[in-house]
Amino acid sequence: MCDSSNYEYYKKHHICVRCGQEDAERNSTLCFRCRIKNRESSINYYRCHKEERREKNRIKSKNRYNKLKELGLCTSCGRRHTKNNKVCCEHCATKINERNRKKYLLYVYATRNIAEIRI
């Protein structure tokens, strides 16, 4: 990879900033080979650190949920106020209810005979 003094020069003249030997791809600062290498290393990094990121996101989501709950806002959308000590606003609650109802009906129709179904 080139040093920081050459970076701007390579970028300005559309030369790959990583290897400094080939022309950079259009709308990019890297050549085709370096883009492939960069993508492979990103995928490997993603696979190696998957559990760490999952744990970090879990903690972040939990903190967001608790903060919204304390403020009395909907924990789903974070915009509307809740009523009667609930965690979701009426709008999100109806959306969640409808989604769960559709899932339930798909399950019922897939597992039972149509004559046995009572709605």
Protein backbone atom coordinates (compact mmCIF):
# COMPACT_ATOMS: atom_id res chain seq x y z
CA MET A 1 0.00 0.00 0.00
CA CYS A 2 1.25 3.47 -0.76
CA ASP A 3 2.09 5.99 1.92
CA SER A 4 -0.14 8.94 2.74
CA SER A 5 1.93 11.44 0.74
CA ASN A 6 1.33 9.53 -2.51
CA TYR A 7 -2.32 8.73 -1.79
CA GLU A 8 -3.71 12.03 -3.06
CA TYR A 9 -1.45 11.93 -6.13
CA TYR A 10 -2.55 8.39 -7.05
CA LYS A 11 -6.17 9.25 -6.41
CA LYS A 12 -5.99 12.38 -8.56
CA HIS A 13 -4.37 10.50 -11.46
CA HIS A 14 -6.69 7.45 -11.19
CA ILE A 15 -3.98 5.01 -10.13
CA CYS A 16 -4.67 2.26 -7.62
CA VAL A 17 -3.86 3.60 -4.15
CA ARG A 18 -3.12 0.14 -2.76
CA CYS A 19 -0.61 -1.27 -5.23
CA GLY A 20 0.21 1.94 -7.14
CA GLN A 21 0.81 0.04 -10.37
CA GLU A 22 -2.48 -0.36 -12.22
CA ASP A 23 -5.26 2.00 -13.25
CA ALA A 24 -8.04 2.32 -10.72
CA GLU A 25 -11.56 1.19 -11.56
CA ARG A 26 -14.10 3.84 -12.45
CA ASN A 27 -15.62 5.47 -9.31
CA SER A 28 -13.10 3.69 -7.11
CA THR A 29 -9.58 4.21 -5.80
CA LEU A 30 -8.57 0.56 -6.22
CA CYS A 31 -7.76 -1.60 -9.24
CA PHE A 32 -9.74 -4.75 -9.99
CA ARG A 33 -7.25 -7.12 -8.30
CA CYS A 34 -6.97 -5.02 -5.17
CA ARG A 35 -10.76 -4.74 -4.93
CA ILE A 36 -11.03 -8.54 -5.03
CA LYS A 37 -8.31 -8.91 -2.38
CA ASN A 38 -9.98 -6.27 -0.24
CA ARG A 39 -13.34 -8.01 -0.54
CA GLU A 40 -11.87 -11.41 0.40
CA SER A 41 -10.14 -9.97 3.44
CA SER A 42 -13.36 -8.20 4.48
CA ILE A 43 -15.31 -11.45 4.19
CA ASN A 44 -12.69 -13.31 6.26
CA TYR A 45 -12.74 -10.59 8.91
CA TYR A 46 -16.54 -10.70 8.97
CA ARG A 47 -16.52 -14.48 9.49
CA CYS A 48 -13.87 -14.36 12.22
CA HIS A 49 -15.55 -11.60 14.22
CA LYS A 50 -19.20 -12.59 13.75
CA GLU A 51 -19.82 -13.54 17.39
CA GLU A 52 -18.21 -10.38 18.74
CA ARG A 53 -20.37 -8.17 16.54
CA ARG A 54 -23.47 -10.16 17.43
CA GLU A 55 -22.81 -9.69 21.14
CA LYS A 56 -22.08 -5.98 20.65
CA ASN A 57 -25.32 -5.49 18.68
CA ARG A 58 -27.27 -7.44 21.30
CA ILE A 59 -26.03 -5.17 24.08
CA LYS A 60 -26.68 -2.05 21.98
CA SER A 61 -30.24 -3.17 21.18
CA LYS A 62 -30.90 -4.00 24.83
CA ASN A 63 -29.71 -0.55 25.92
CA ARG A 64 -31.86 1.13 23.25
CA TYR A 65 -34.91 -0.90 24.35
CA ASN A 66 -34.44 -0.01 28.03
CA LYS A 67 -33.86 3.67 27.25
CA LEU A 68 -37.01 3.93 25.12
CA LYS A 69 -39.02 2.05 27.73
CA GLU A 70 -37.93 4.47 30.46
CA LEU A 71 -38.88 7.46 28.30
CA GLY A 72 -42.31 5.98 27.61
CA LEU A 73 -41.72 5.70 23.85
CA CYS A 74 -42.53 2.78 21.58
CA THR A 75 -39.71 0.23 21.68
CA SER A 76 -40.39 -0.77 18.09
CA CYS A 77 -40.38 2.56 16.22
CA GLY A 78 -39.01 4.87 18.95
CA ARG A 79 -41.25 7.78 17.86
CA ARG A 80 -44.72 7.53 19.37
CA HIS A 81 -45.69 7.53 23.03
CA THR A 82 -47.20 4.42 24.57
CA LYS A 83 -50.39 4.14 26.59
CA ASN A 84 -51.34 2.07 29.64
CA ASN A 85 -47.77 1.02 30.50
CA LYS A 86 -47.30 -0.92 27.27
CA VAL A 87 -44.02 -1.14 25.36
CA CYS A 88 -45.43 -0.59 21.84
CA CYS A 89 -47.61 2.18 20.48
CA GLU A 90 -51.01 1.31 19.02
CA HIS A 91 -49.74 1.62 15.44
CA CYS A 92 -46.83 -0.80 15.90
CA ALA A 93 -48.93 -3.15 18.03
CA THR A 94 -51.49 -3.53 15.23
CA LYS A 95 -48.72 -4.15 12.68
CA ILE A 96 -47.11 -6.79 14.90
CA ASN A 97 -50.49 -8.37 15.61
CA GLU A 98 -51.32 -8.55 11.90
CA ARG A 99 -47.91 -10.06 11.07
CA ASN A 100 -48.30 -12.71 13.78
CA ARG A 101 -51.86 -13.48 12.64
CA LYS A 102 -50.66 -14.05 9.05
CA LYS A 103 -47.91 -16.37 10.31
CA TYR A 104 -50.42 -18.27 12.41
CA LEU A 105 -52.86 -18.65 9.52
CA LEU A 106 -50.10 -19.90 7.21
CA TYR A 107 -49.13 -22.45 9.85
CA VAL A 108 -52.75 -23.52 10.40
CA TYR A 109 -53.49 -23.90 6.69
CA ALA A 110 -50.28 -25.86 6.18
CA THR A 111 -50.85 -28.31 9.04
CA ARG A 112 -54.62 -28.86 9.25
CA ASN A 113 -57.48 -29.84 7.04
CA ILE A 114 -59.57 -26.90 5.81
CA ALA A 115 -62.75 -28.41 7.31
CA GLU A 116 -61.19 -28.35 10.82
CA ILE A 117 -60.19 -24.66 10.77
CA ARG A 118 -62.24 -22.21 12.80
CA ILE A 119 -61.43 -18.56 12.36
